[in-house]
N, C-alpha and C. Protein backbone atom coordinates (compact mmCIF):
# COMPACT_ATOMS: atom_id res chain seq x y z
N UNK A 1 0.70 -0.99 -0.15
CA UNK A 1 -0.13 0.46 0.25
C UNK A 1 0.98 1.35 -0.03
N UNK A 2 0.65 2.32 -0.99
CA UNK A 2 1.50 3.13 -1.12
C UNK A 2 1.19 4.37 -0.04
N UNK A 3 2.46 4.99 0.29
CA UNK A 3 2.18 6.11 1.88
C UNK A 3 1.41 7.31 1.40
N UNK A 4 0.20 7.40 2.37
CA UNK A 4 -0.88 8.57 1.83
C UNK A 4 -0.54 9.93 2.65
N UNK A 5 -0.32 10.68 1.69
CA UNK A 5 0.25 11.71 1.72
C UNK A 5 -1.09 12.96 1.62
N UNK A 6 -0.54 14.12 2.67
CA UNK A 6 -1.68 14.87 2.49
C UNK A 6 -0.55 16.54 1.92
N UNK A 7 -1.45 17.37 1.79
CA UNK A 7 0.07 18.65 1.18
C UNK A 7 -1.22 19.86 1.53
N UNK A 8 -0.68 20.72 2.53
CA UNK A 8 -0.71 21.75 2.93
C UNK A 8 -0.10 22.99 2.68
N UNK A 9 -0.50 23.65 1.73
CA UNK A 9 0.43 25.20 1.53
C UNK A 9 -0.66 25.70 0.60
N UNK A 10 -0.24 27.06 0.80
CA UNK A 10 -1.48 28.26 0.16
C UNK A 10 -1.05 28.62 -1.04
N UNK A 11 -0.11 27.64 -1.88
CA UNK A 11 0.41 28.53 -3.21
C UNK A 11 -0.30 26.89 -3.87
N UNK A 12 -1.24 27.44 -5.07
CA UNK A 12 -1.96 26.27 -5.49
C UNK A 12 -0.72 25.55 -7.03
N UNK A 13 -0.13 26.67 -6.91
CA UNK A 13 0.88 26.33 -8.25
C UNK A 13 1.98 25.15 -7.62
N UNK A 14 2.53 25.40 -6.21
CA UNK A 14 3.30 24.38 -5.66
C UNK A 14 2.49 23.02 -5.16
N UNK A 15 0.92 23.29 -4.98
CA UNK A 15 0.67 21.90 -4.72
C UNK A 15 0.35 21.11 -5.93
N UNK A 16 0.11 21.88 -7.00
CA UNK A 16 -0.04 21.25 -8.45
C UNK A 16 1.38 20.59 -8.76
N UNK A 17 2.09 21.20 -8.37
CA UNK A 17 3.77 20.48 -8.66
C UNK A 17 3.87 19.23 -7.90
N UNK A 18 3.91 19.70 -6.99
CA UNK A 18 4.03 18.27 -5.35
C UNK A 18 2.99 17.30 -5.59
N UNK A 19 1.52 17.78 -6.08
CA UNK A 19 0.94 16.22 -6.51
C UNK A 19 1.29 15.60 -7.89
N UNK A 20 1.49 16.31 -8.74
CA UNK A 20 2.61 15.69 -10.12
C UNK A 20 3.62 14.69 -9.83
N UNK A 21 4.93 15.14 -8.85
CA UNK A 21 5.97 14.38 -8.73
C UNK A 21 5.43 13.55 -7.84
N UNK A 22 4.81 13.60 -6.90
CA UNK A 22 4.34 12.19 -5.61
C UNK A 22 3.88 11.10 -6.00
N UNK A 23 2.60 11.65 -7.16
CA UNK A 23 1.63 10.80 -7.96
C UNK A 23 2.51 9.60 -8.94
N UNK A 24 3.95 10.36 -9.28
CA UNK A 24 4.44 9.54 -10.08
C UNK A 24 5.53 8.50 -9.57
N UNK A 25 5.36 8.53 -8.70
CA UNK A 25 5.95 7.41 -7.45
C UNK A 25 5.17 6.31 -7.20
N UNK A 26 5.61 4.74 -7.26
CA UNK A 26 4.65 3.96 -7.19
C UNK A 26 4.48 3.94 -5.60
N UNK A 27 5.31 4.06 -4.75
CA UNK A 27 4.93 3.82 -2.97
C UNK A 27 4.34 5.02 -2.58
N UNK A 28 3.91 6.26 -3.13
CA UNK A 28 3.59 7.01 -2.91
C UNK A 28 2.38 7.79 -3.03
N UNK A 29 1.23 8.30 -2.68
CA UNK A 29 -0.12 8.94 -3.11
C UNK A 29 -0.72 9.99 -2.32
N UNK A 30 -1.37 10.83 -3.27
CA UNK A 30 -1.41 11.93 -2.62
C UNK A 30 -3.08 11.75 -2.63
N UNK A 31 -3.33 12.29 -1.57
CA UNK A 31 -5.06 11.81 -1.04
C UNK A 31 -5.75 12.83 -0.68
N UNK A 32 -5.53 13.83 -0.13
CA UNK A 32 -6.03 15.66 0.06
C UNK A 32 -4.89 16.84 -0.17
N UNK A 33 -5.52 17.68 -0.02
CA UNK A 33 -4.98 19.09 0.17
C UNK A 33 -5.51 20.16 0.29
N UNK A 34 -4.45 21.29 0.88
CA UNK A 34 -5.84 22.32 1.20
C UNK A 34 -4.49 23.57 1.31
N UNK A 35 -5.12 24.64 0.92
CA UNK A 35 -4.54 25.94 1.51
C UNK A 35 -4.53 27.08 2.26
N UNK A 36 -4.63 26.44 3.34
CA UNK A 36 -5.29 27.15 4.70
C UNK A 36 -5.86 26.25 5.76
N UNK A 37 -5.03 26.62 6.70
CA UNK A 37 -5.02 26.27 8.09
C UNK A 37 -6.09 25.53 8.67
N UNK A 38 -7.04 25.93 8.80
CA UNK A 38 -8.42 25.40 9.12
C UNK A 38 -9.04 24.22 8.35
N UNK A 39 -8.83 24.42 6.71
CA UNK A 39 -9.33 23.66 6.18
C UNK A 39 -8.36 22.14 5.87
N UNK A 40 -7.25 22.32 6.22
CA UNK A 40 -5.91 21.38 6.16
C UNK A 40 -6.30 20.72 7.27
N UNK A 41 -6.66 21.13 8.76
CA UNK A 41 -6.81 20.48 9.88
C UNK A 41 -7.96 19.44 9.84
N UNK A 42 -9.14 20.36 9.20
CA UNK A 42 -10.50 19.38 9.16
C UNK A 42 -10.61 18.01 8.47
N UNK A 43 -9.84 18.25 7.28
CA UNK A 43 -9.45 17.11 6.26
C UNK A 43 -8.18 16.29 6.76
N UNK A 44 -7.50 16.72 7.15
CA UNK A 44 -6.69 15.46 8.05
C UNK A 44 -6.92 14.92 8.85
N UNK A 45 -7.78 15.86 9.94
CA UNK A 45 -8.57 14.44 10.62
C UNK A 45 -9.46 13.42 10.13
N UNK A 46 -10.10 13.92 9.12
CA UNK A 46 -11.12 13.21 8.25
C UNK A 46 -10.50 12.05 7.95
N UNK A 47 -9.33 11.97 7.27
CA UNK A 47 -7.90 11.66 6.40
C UNK A 47 -7.26 10.70 7.06
N UNK A 48 -6.86 11.16 7.56
CA UNK A 48 -5.81 10.52 8.75
C UNK A 48 -4.28 9.67 7.67
N UNK A 49 -3.68 11.03 7.12
CA UNK A 49 -2.87 10.84 6.31
C UNK A 49 -1.97 9.74 7.34
N UNK A 50 -0.81 9.31 5.99
CA UNK A 50 0.12 8.97 6.87
C UNK A 50 1.41 9.69 7.00
N UNK A 51 1.52 10.96 6.28
CA UNK A 51 2.58 11.71 6.18
C UNK A 51 1.59 13.36 5.79
N UNK A 52 1.98 14.32 6.45
CA UNK A 52 1.34 15.80 6.02
C UNK A 52 2.67 16.23 5.56
N UNK A 53 2.86 17.05 4.37
CA UNK A 53 3.34 18.00 3.70
C UNK A 53 3.02 19.05 4.60
N UNK A 54 3.62 19.88 5.52
CA UNK A 54 2.96 21.54 5.72
C UNK A 54 4.20 22.56 5.96
N UNK A 55 3.16 23.38 5.47
CA UNK A 55 3.96 25.04 5.69
C UNK A 55 3.37 25.44 6.56
N UNK A 56 4.47 26.24 6.57
CA UNK A 56 4.46 26.99 8.15
C UNK A 56 4.01 28.15 8.25
N UNK A 57 3.89 28.79 7.21
CA UNK A 57 3.26 29.80 6.84
C UNK A 57 1.98 29.95 5.88
N UNK A 58 0.44 29.88 6.67
CA UNK A 58 -0.67 29.71 5.88
C UNK A 58 -1.49 30.52 6.22
N UNK A 59 -2.80 30.81 5.46
CA UNK A 59 -3.91 31.70 6.16
C UNK A 59 -4.48 30.68 7.69
N UNK A 60 -4.63 31.32 8.72
CA UNK A 60 -5.55 30.38 9.83
C UNK A 60 -4.40 30.19 10.48
N UNK A 61 -4.56 28.93 11.15
CA UNK A 61 -3.38 28.12 12.46
C UNK A 61 -2.36 27.93 11.33
N UNK A 62 -1.30 28.36 11.95
CA UNK A 62 -0.27 28.10 11.01
C UNK A 62 1.09 26.74 10.94
N UNK A 63 1.71 26.54 10.42
CA UNK A 63 2.19 24.75 10.45
C UNK A 63 2.50 24.77 12.00
N UNK A 64 3.18 25.19 12.93
CA UNK A 64 3.62 24.76 14.15
C UNK A 64 2.49 24.96 15.10
N UNK A 65 1.12 25.22 14.65
CA UNK A 65 0.14 25.02 15.45
C UNK A 65 -0.61 23.85 15.28
N UNK A 66 -0.24 24.02 13.59
CA UNK A 66 -1.27 22.41 13.16
C UNK A 66 -1.07 21.05 13.44
N UNK A 67 0.70 21.39 13.68
CA UNK A 67 1.33 20.54 14.15
C UNK A 67 0.57 19.74 15.37
N UNK A 68 1.08 20.67 16.32
CA UNK A 68 0.73 20.45 17.84
C UNK A 68 -0.60 19.81 17.40
N UNK A 69 -1.69 20.60 16.82
CA UNK A 69 -3.35 20.06 16.63
C UNK A 69 -3.68 18.56 16.27
N UNK A 70 -2.55 18.39 15.18
CA UNK A 70 -2.49 16.99 14.59
C UNK A 70 -2.09 15.94 15.46
N UNK A 71 -0.63 15.94 15.90
CA UNK A 71 -0.30 15.28 16.88
C UNK A 71 -0.89 14.91 18.00
N UNK A 72 -1.61 15.70 18.67
CA UNK A 72 -2.96 15.66 19.72
C UNK A 72 -3.95 14.68 19.31
N UNK A 73 -4.97 14.54 18.04
CA UNK A 73 -5.85 13.63 17.76
C UNK A 73 -4.82 12.77 16.51
N UNK A 74 -3.82 12.72 16.05
CA UNK A 74 -3.00 11.33 15.28
C UNK A 74 -2.04 11.24 15.54
N UNK A 75 -1.62 11.09 16.52
CA UNK A 75 -0.47 10.90 17.37
C UNK A 75 0.53 9.80 16.03
N UNK A 76 -0.18 9.27 15.39
CA UNK A 76 0.98 8.15 14.15
C UNK A 76 1.10 8.67 12.89
N UNK A 77 0.20 9.98 12.81
CA UNK A 77 0.64 10.88 11.59
C UNK A 77 1.81 11.38 11.49
N UNK A 78 2.50 11.02 10.40
CA UNK A 78 4.16 11.78 10.91
C UNK A 78 3.76 13.27 9.72
N UNK A 79 4.43 14.36 10.38
CA UNK A 79 4.66 15.38 9.87
C UNK A 79 6.15 15.91 9.36
N UNK A 80 6.12 16.35 7.68
CA UNK A 80 6.63 17.08 7.51
C UNK A 80 7.32 18.37 7.23
N UNK A 81 7.92 19.33 7.77
CA UNK A 81 7.20 20.63 7.46
C UNK A 81 8.43 21.12 6.23
N UNK A 82 7.56 21.41 5.42
CA UNK A 82 8.08 22.35 4.38
C UNK A 82 8.09 23.64 4.13
N UNK A 83 9.25 24.16 4.28
CA UNK A 83 9.35 25.63 4.04
C UNK A 83 10.36 26.53 3.59
N UNK A 84 9.85 27.97 2.98
CA UNK A 84 11.50 28.51 2.82
C UNK A 84 11.84 29.12 3.83
N UNK A 85 11.61 29.03 5.05
CA UNK A 85 12.23 29.94 6.22
C UNK A 85 13.42 28.53 6.55
N UNK A 86 14.74 29.49 6.79
CA UNK A 86 16.13 28.37 6.92
C UNK A 86 15.89 29.22 8.00
N UNK A 87 15.11 28.96 9.35
CA UNK A 87 15.40 29.70 10.43
C UNK A 87 15.64 28.35 11.79
N UNK A 88 16.84 28.91 12.73
CA UNK A 88 16.75 28.45 13.23
C UNK A 88 15.57 28.11 14.59
N UNK A 89 14.92 28.94 15.20
CA UNK A 89 14.48 28.71 16.42
C UNK A 89 13.33 27.71 15.53
N UNK A 90 12.77 28.31 14.53
CA UNK A 90 11.36 27.68 13.31
C UNK A 90 11.87 26.06 13.41
N UNK A 91 12.87 25.63 12.90
CA UNK A 91 13.28 24.35 13.09
C UNK A 91 13.25 23.86 14.56
N UNK A 92 13.76 24.58 15.48
CA UNK A 92 13.70 24.14 17.13
C UNK A 92 11.90 23.89 17.42
N UNK A 93 11.51 24.96 16.91
CA UNK A 93 10.17 24.82 17.28
C UNK A 93 9.07 23.58 16.44
N UNK A 94 9.37 23.99 15.82
CA UNK A 94 8.55 22.62 14.80
C UNK A 94 8.87 21.08 15.17
N UNK A 95 10.37 20.70 15.81
CA UNK A 95 10.91 19.72 16.17
C UNK A 95 9.74 19.52 17.73
N UNK A 96 10.17 20.44 18.62
CA UNK A 96 9.12 20.43 19.78
C UNK A 96 7.66 20.20 19.45
N UNK A 97 7.14 20.81 18.62
CA UNK A 97 5.82 20.62 18.29
C UNK A 97 5.49 19.06 17.77
N UNK A 98 6.37 18.84 17.42
CA UNK A 98 5.86 17.10 17.08
C UNK A 98 6.92 16.94 15.86
N UNK A 99 6.86 17.74 14.79
CA UNK A 99 7.16 17.57 13.60
C UNK A 99 8.69 16.54 13.25
N UNK A 100 8.25 15.45 12.33
CA UNK A 100 9.16 14.51 12.09
C UNK A 100 10.38 15.05 11.11
N UNK A 101 9.78 16.06 10.54
CA UNK A 101 11.18 16.47 9.56
C UNK A 101 10.95 17.81 9.35
N UNK A 102 12.09 18.77 8.63
CA UNK A 102 12.00 19.75 8.21
C UNK A 102 12.69 19.93 7.13
N UNK A 103 12.46 20.39 5.94
CA UNK A 103 13.18 20.43 4.64
C UNK A 103 12.87 21.38 3.62
N UNK A 104 13.57 22.44 3.40
CA UNK A 104 13.34 23.80 2.98
C UNK A 104 12.99 23.63 1.22
N UNK A 105 12.11 24.52 0.51
CA UNK A 105 11.33 24.48 -0.87
C UNK A 105 12.77 24.59 -1.67
N UNK A 106 13.47 24.93 -1.50
CA UNK A 106 14.61 24.91 -2.60
C UNK A 106 15.41 23.47 -2.84
N UNK A 107 15.09 22.80 -2.06
CA UNK A 107 15.64 21.27 -1.95
C UNK A 107 15.41 20.53 -3.44
N UNK A 108 16.04 19.88 -3.78
CA UNK A 108 15.69 18.98 -5.27
C UNK A 108 14.89 18.05 -4.61
N UNK A 109 14.27 17.69 -5.72
CA UNK A 109 13.31 16.66 -5.65
C UNK A 109 13.63 15.01 -5.03
N UNK A 110 14.76 14.97 -5.00
CA UNK A 110 15.15 13.09 -4.90
C UNK A 110 15.13 13.98 -2.89
N UNK A 111 15.70 14.91 -2.60
CA UNK A 111 15.60 15.51 -1.25
C UNK A 111 14.44 15.14 -0.20
N UNK A 112 13.37 15.86 -1.05
CA UNK A 112 11.97 15.74 -0.91
C UNK A 112 11.33 14.03 -0.69
N UNK A 113 11.39 13.08 -2.00
CA UNK A 113 11.35 12.16 -1.50
C UNK A 113 11.98 11.46 -0.57
N UNK A 114 12.99 11.11 -0.24
CA UNK A 114 13.99 10.44 0.99
C UNK A 114 13.39 11.19 1.86
N UNK A 115 13.10 12.66 2.15
CA UNK A 115 12.94 13.08 3.41
C UNK A 115 11.15 12.32 3.93
N UNK A 116 10.32 12.38 3.03
CA UNK A 116 8.77 11.60 3.27
C UNK A 116 8.69 10.36 3.45
N UNK A 117 9.71 9.61 2.72
CA UNK A 117 9.96 8.12 3.29
C UNK A 117 10.74 8.27 4.51
N UNK A 118 12.07 8.79 4.63
CA UNK A 118 12.03 8.56 6.16
C UNK A 118 11.87 9.23 7.38
N UNK A 119 10.66 9.84 7.07
CA UNK A 119 9.48 10.11 8.03
C UNK A 119 8.68 9.22 8.20
N UNK A 120 8.04 9.11 7.19
CA UNK A 120 6.88 7.35 7.27
C UNK A 120 7.80 6.14 7.82
N UNK A 121 8.71 5.85 7.72
CA UNK A 121 9.51 5.09 8.34
C UNK A 121 9.74 5.60 9.95
N UNK A 122 9.29 6.13 10.50
CA UNK A 122 9.92 7.06 11.75
C UNK A 122 11.62 7.56 11.99
N UNK A 123 11.90 8.00 11.08
CA UNK A 123 13.12 8.46 11.28
C UNK A 123 12.44 9.73 11.63
N UNK A 124 13.85 10.88 12.30
CA UNK A 124 13.87 11.98 12.04
C UNK A 124 14.63 12.68 10.86
N UNK A 125 13.94 13.33 9.80
CA UNK A 125 14.62 14.16 8.91
C UNK A 125 14.93 15.66 9.34
N UNK A 126 16.09 16.24 8.90
CA UNK A 126 16.49 17.59 8.78
C UNK A 126 17.32 17.91 7.31
N UNK A 127 17.14 18.91 7.27
CA UNK A 127 17.44 19.40 5.48
C UNK A 127 18.62 19.36 5.96
N UNK A 128 19.93 19.03 4.69
CA UNK A 128 21.32 19.07 5.46
C UNK A 128 21.79 20.93 5.85
N UNK A 129 21.45 21.65 5.30
CA UNK A 129 21.27 23.28 5.35
C UNK A 129 20.85 23.67 6.62
N UNK A 130 20.14 23.08 7.48
CA UNK A 130 19.53 23.12 8.49
C UNK A 130 20.00 22.12 9.53
N UNK A 131 20.81 21.25 9.36
CA UNK A 131 21.29 19.98 10.61
C UNK A 131 22.07 20.70 11.49
N UNK A 132 23.22 21.65 11.01
CA UNK A 132 24.06 22.19 12.09
C UNK A 132 23.49 23.17 13.50
N UNK A 133 22.03 23.73 12.67
CA UNK A 133 21.49 24.77 13.67
C UNK A 133 21.01 23.41 15.17
N UNK A 134 20.36 22.63 14.37
CA UNK A 134 20.11 21.59 15.36
C UNK A 134 20.96 20.43 15.96
N UNK A 135 22.12 20.93 15.34
CA UNK A 135 22.94 19.93 16.37
C UNK A 135 23.96 20.86 17.14
N UNK A 136 23.55 22.26 17.31
CA UNK A 136 23.93 23.41 18.39
C UNK A 136 23.54 23.10 19.43
N UNK A 137 22.34 22.34 19.90
CA UNK A 137 21.73 22.11 20.84
C UNK A 137 21.86 20.71 21.61
N UNK A 138 22.71 19.20 20.75
CA UNK A 138 23.15 18.50 21.09
C UNK A 138 24.90 18.31 21.06
N UNK A 139 25.07 18.83 20.39
CA UNK A 139 27.24 18.68 20.91
C UNK A 139 27.22 19.39 21.95
N UNK A 140 28.21 18.83 22.49
CA UNK A 140 28.80 18.95 24.19
C UNK A 140 29.63 20.29 23.68
N UNK A 141 30.44 20.66 24.88
CA UNK A 141 31.10 21.78 24.31
C UNK A 141 32.42 20.73 24.28
N UNK A 142 33.34 21.86 23.26
CA UNK A 142 34.47 20.82 23.24
C UNK A 142 35.66 20.29 23.91
N UNK A 143 35.79 18.91 23.46
CA UNK A 143 37.13 18.14 24.53
C UNK A 143 38.12 18.37 23.41
N UNK A 144 39.34 17.51 24.62
CA UNK A 144 40.82 17.55 23.90
C UNK A 144 40.49 16.97 22.68
N UNK A 145 41.12 17.49 21.85
CA UNK A 145 40.91 16.92 20.34
C UNK A 145 41.74 16.07 20.26
N UNK A 146 41.49 15.22 19.52
CA UNK A 146 42.32 13.70 19.05
C UNK A 146 42.55 13.80 17.64
N UNK A 147 43.88 13.24 17.65
CA UNK A 147 44.15 12.50 16.20
C UNK A 147 44.11 13.70 15.39
N UNK A 148 45.65 13.73 14.86
CA UNK A 148 45.97 15.03 13.61
C UNK A 148 45.03 15.35 12.43
N UNK A 149 44.65 15.96 12.19
CA UNK A 149 43.75 16.09 10.59
C UNK A 149 44.49 15.99 9.36
N UNK A 150 45.76 16.37 9.39
CA UNK A 150 46.90 16.04 8.65
C UNK A 150 46.76 14.70 7.69
N UNK A 151 46.88 13.41 9.03
CA UNK A 151 46.66 12.22 8.67
C UNK A 151 45.60 11.82 8.21
N UNK A 152 44.42 13.15 7.76
CA UNK A 152 43.59 11.96 6.75
C UNK A 152 44.01 12.38 4.95
N UNK A 153 43.33 11.44 4.00
CA UNK A 153 43.33 11.59 2.73
C UNK A 153 42.02 12.84 2.09
N UNK A 154 42.39 13.24 1.07
CA UNK A 154 41.51 14.67 0.84
C UNK A 154 40.25 14.02 1.08
N UNK A 155 40.07 12.83 0.25
CA UNK A 155 38.50 12.01 0.10
C UNK A 155 38.26 11.97 1.60
N UNK A 156 38.78 11.58 2.69
CA UNK A 156 38.40 11.78 3.96
C UNK A 156 38.18 12.75 4.41
N UNK A 157 38.44 13.80 4.28
CA UNK A 157 38.29 14.95 4.74
C UNK A 157 37.08 15.57 4.33
N UNK A 158 36.71 15.30 2.56
CA UNK A 158 35.80 15.15 1.96
C UNK A 158 34.36 14.32 2.92
N UNK A 159 34.43 13.40 3.25
CA UNK A 159 33.87 12.60 4.00
C UNK A 159 32.98 13.08 5.65
N UNK A 160 34.26 13.38 5.57
CA UNK A 160 34.18 13.96 7.45
C UNK A 160 33.33 15.11 7.04
N UNK A 161 33.48 16.57 6.42
CA UNK A 161 32.91 17.64 6.12
C UNK A 161 31.80 17.35 5.66
N UNK A 162 31.08 16.03 5.13
CA UNK A 162 29.84 15.93 4.76
C UNK A 162 29.10 15.44 5.94
N UNK A 163 29.79 14.75 6.76
CA UNK A 163 29.31 13.98 7.77
C UNK A 163 28.57 15.36 8.54
N UNK A 164 29.29 16.02 9.00
CA UNK A 164 29.15 16.97 9.62
C UNK A 164 28.50 17.91 9.38
N UNK A 165 28.36 18.11 8.13
CA UNK A 165 26.92 18.82 7.50
C UNK A 165 25.57 18.31 7.42
N UNK A 166 25.71 17.02 7.86
CA UNK A 166 24.43 16.16 8.09
C UNK A 166 24.41 15.27 6.96
N UNK A 167 24.66 14.71 6.24
CA UNK A 167 24.45 13.97 4.90
C UNK A 167 24.64 12.58 5.62
N UNK A 168 23.82 12.03 4.94
CA UNK A 168 23.51 10.45 5.13
C UNK A 168 24.56 9.88 4.50
N UNK A 169 24.82 8.38 4.82
CA UNK A 169 25.69 7.22 3.91
C UNK A 169 25.71 8.09 2.41
N UNK A 170 24.38 7.20 2.07
CA UNK A 170 23.70 7.23 1.08
C UNK A 170 23.95 8.66 0.06
N UNK A 171 23.21 9.41 0.32
CA UNK A 171 23.44 10.92 0.06
C UNK A 171 24.98 11.39 -0.16
N UNK A 172 26.17 11.14 0.76
CA UNK A 172 27.20 11.08 0.49
C UNK A 172 27.74 10.16 -0.82
N UNK A 173 27.55 9.22 -0.90
CA UNK A 173 27.80 8.67 -2.02
C UNK A 173 27.50 9.52 -3.19
N UNK A 174 25.98 9.35 -3.26
CA UNK A 174 25.73 10.11 -4.56
C UNK A 174 26.21 11.36 -4.69
N UNK A 175 26.48 12.40 -3.87
CA UNK A 175 27.67 13.46 -4.41
C UNK A 175 28.37 13.08 -4.38
N UNK A 176 29.58 12.19 -4.09
CA UNK A 176 30.66 11.94 -4.31
C UNK A 176 30.99 10.81 -5.52
N UNK A 177 29.78 10.19 -6.09
CA UNK A 177 29.85 9.40 -7.24
C UNK A 177 30.84 8.18 -6.54
N UNK A 178 30.42 7.86 -5.35
CA UNK A 178 31.08 6.35 -4.84
C UNK A 178 30.35 5.69 -4.46
N UNK A 179 30.44 4.48 -3.77
CA UNK A 179 29.48 3.41 -3.28
C UNK A 179 28.96 3.63 -1.89
N UNK A 180 28.12 3.09 -1.07
CA UNK A 180 27.84 3.15 -0.25
C UNK A 180 29.02 2.39 1.04
N UNK A 181 28.99 1.48 0.20
CA UNK A 181 30.06 0.90 1.06
C UNK A 181 31.54 1.20 1.39
N UNK A 182 31.87 2.17 0.04
CA UNK A 182 33.22 3.40 0.37
C UNK A 182 33.37 4.13 1.25
N UNK A 183 31.92 4.67 1.40
CA UNK A 183 31.68 5.38 2.40
C UNK A 183 31.70 5.03 3.67
N UNK A 184 31.00 3.97 3.87
CA UNK A 184 31.05 3.37 5.36
C UNK A 184 32.71 3.04 5.35
N UNK A 185 33.52 2.75 4.40
CA UNK A 185 35.03 2.46 4.38
C UNK A 185 36.01 3.66 5.06
N UNK A 186 35.43 4.65 4.31
CA UNK A 186 35.90 6.47 4.66
C UNK A 186 35.78 6.76 6.59
N UNK A 187 34.75 6.18 6.60
CA UNK A 187 33.64 6.81 7.82
C UNK A 187 34.85 5.65 8.66
N UNK A 188 34.65 4.36 8.53
CA UNK A 188 35.67 3.68 9.86
C UNK A 188 36.88 3.83 10.06
N UNK A 189 37.38 4.43 8.18
CA UNK A 189 38.88 5.08 8.59
C UNK A 189 39.06 6.42 9.41
N UNK A 190 37.88 7.07 9.55
CA UNK A 190 37.64 8.40 10.25
C UNK A 190 37.78 8.23 11.82
N UNK A 191 36.91 7.11 11.95
CA UNK A 191 36.61 6.71 13.40
C UNK A 191 37.98 6.16 14.11
N UNK A 192 38.82 5.43 13.64
CA UNK A 192 40.07 5.13 13.84
C UNK A 192 41.24 5.51 13.79
N UNK A 193 41.21 6.90 12.63
CA UNK A 193 42.68 7.78 12.65
C UNK A 193 42.23 8.79 13.72
N UNK A 194 41.07 9.19 13.71
CA UNK A 194 41.10 10.33 14.71
C UNK A 194 40.68 9.61 16.11
N UNK A 195 40.36 8.37 16.45
CA UNK A 195 39.95 8.15 17.75
C UNK A 195 38.46 8.52 18.20
N UNK A 196 37.52 8.73 17.34
CA UNK A 196 36.30 9.02 17.43
C UNK A 196 35.60 8.08 17.79
N UNK A 197 34.46 8.47 18.24
CA UNK A 197 33.47 6.93 18.09
C UNK A 197 32.07 7.03 17.59
N UNK A 198 31.41 8.64 17.66
CA UNK A 198 30.15 8.46 17.33
C UNK A 198 30.32 9.77 16.01
N UNK A 199 28.91 9.62 16.04
CA UNK A 199 28.64 11.02 14.83
C UNK A 199 28.81 12.75 15.61
N UNK A 200 28.64 12.34 16.79
CA UNK A 200 28.63 14.05 17.20
C UNK A 200 30.24 14.32 17.73
N UNK A 201 30.54 13.23 17.91
CA UNK A 201 32.37 13.93 18.20
C UNK A 201 32.82 14.09 16.88
N UNK A 202 32.45 12.92 15.78
CA UNK A 202 33.03 13.81 14.35
C UNK A 202 32.66 14.92 13.68
N UNK A 203 31.15 15.50 14.39
CA UNK A 203 31.02 16.85 13.83
C UNK A 203 31.16 17.99 14.75
N UNK A 204 32.19 17.59 15.90
CA UNK A 204 32.94 18.51 17.05
C UNK A 204 33.94 18.80 16.25
N UNK A 205 34.82 17.56 15.56
CA UNK A 205 36.07 17.61 15.25
C UNK A 205 36.28 18.37 13.90
N UNK A 206 35.04 18.20 13.12
CA UNK A 206 35.40 19.00 12.02
C UNK A 206 34.88 20.22 12.19
N UNK A 207 34.26 20.71 13.35
CA UNK A 207 33.83 22.57 13.30
C UNK A 207 34.82 22.78 14.01
N UNK A 208 35.47 22.52 15.34
CA UNK A 208 36.68 22.34 16.04
C UNK A 208 38.25 22.73 15.26
N UNK A 209 38.19 22.19 13.49
CA UNK A 209 39.11 22.38 13.00
C UNK A 209 38.97 23.11 11.51
N UNK A 210 37.72 23.65 12.04
CA UNK A 210 37.33 24.73 10.71
C UNK A 210 37.02 24.02 9.53
N UNK A 211 36.21 22.47 9.50
CA UNK A 211 36.02 22.46 8.36
C UNK A 211 34.52 22.36 7.76
N UNK A 212 34.17 23.50 8.62
CA UNK A 212 32.74 23.74 8.38
C UNK A 212 32.59 24.87 7.71
N UNK A 213 31.55 25.83 7.11
CA UNK A 213 32.06 27.11 6.28
C UNK A 213 31.42 28.08 7.39
């Protein structure tokens, strides 16, 4: 059975484009849409979709308030915020309200499709351009640095930078035109050479060594 998706955005042209894109995917199906908050809430509660693509700025209740209301009545429905706002405070507020993901409208089509499938599986998805904003809340203060960055190969530095920017192994593989297995190998080399064990430590190391813009 395809993933049932509801579109909530006040731009009709955007909704039409999203509907066309999503309905071409065999595992995705748009079951409803709305251009204002009140209509969106009524239809979402009636249809109980699997995933809601929700704009933050709409007439009536905005995306953050709608997220709270939807999760109160439909805790199993996954909400993916789709917005033009690349704002750290909005990202945090959306996640705290119960959103399962946050993606910006300038994302490419494959990123949006990946985000929908990720939140439907139960994962948290944050678009790479916003990941560092979220990591500020979970990355602890710097500990003594381990392992010299000079020991890394140029490719390992590339992989480290992309990990720190929030890309998944598959996204890194696509970006660098290498296999996922090769990415995993580079990641293992990074943890071994630098004496680091977790993603958070790798992010902190990249930040403290000036590898993030």
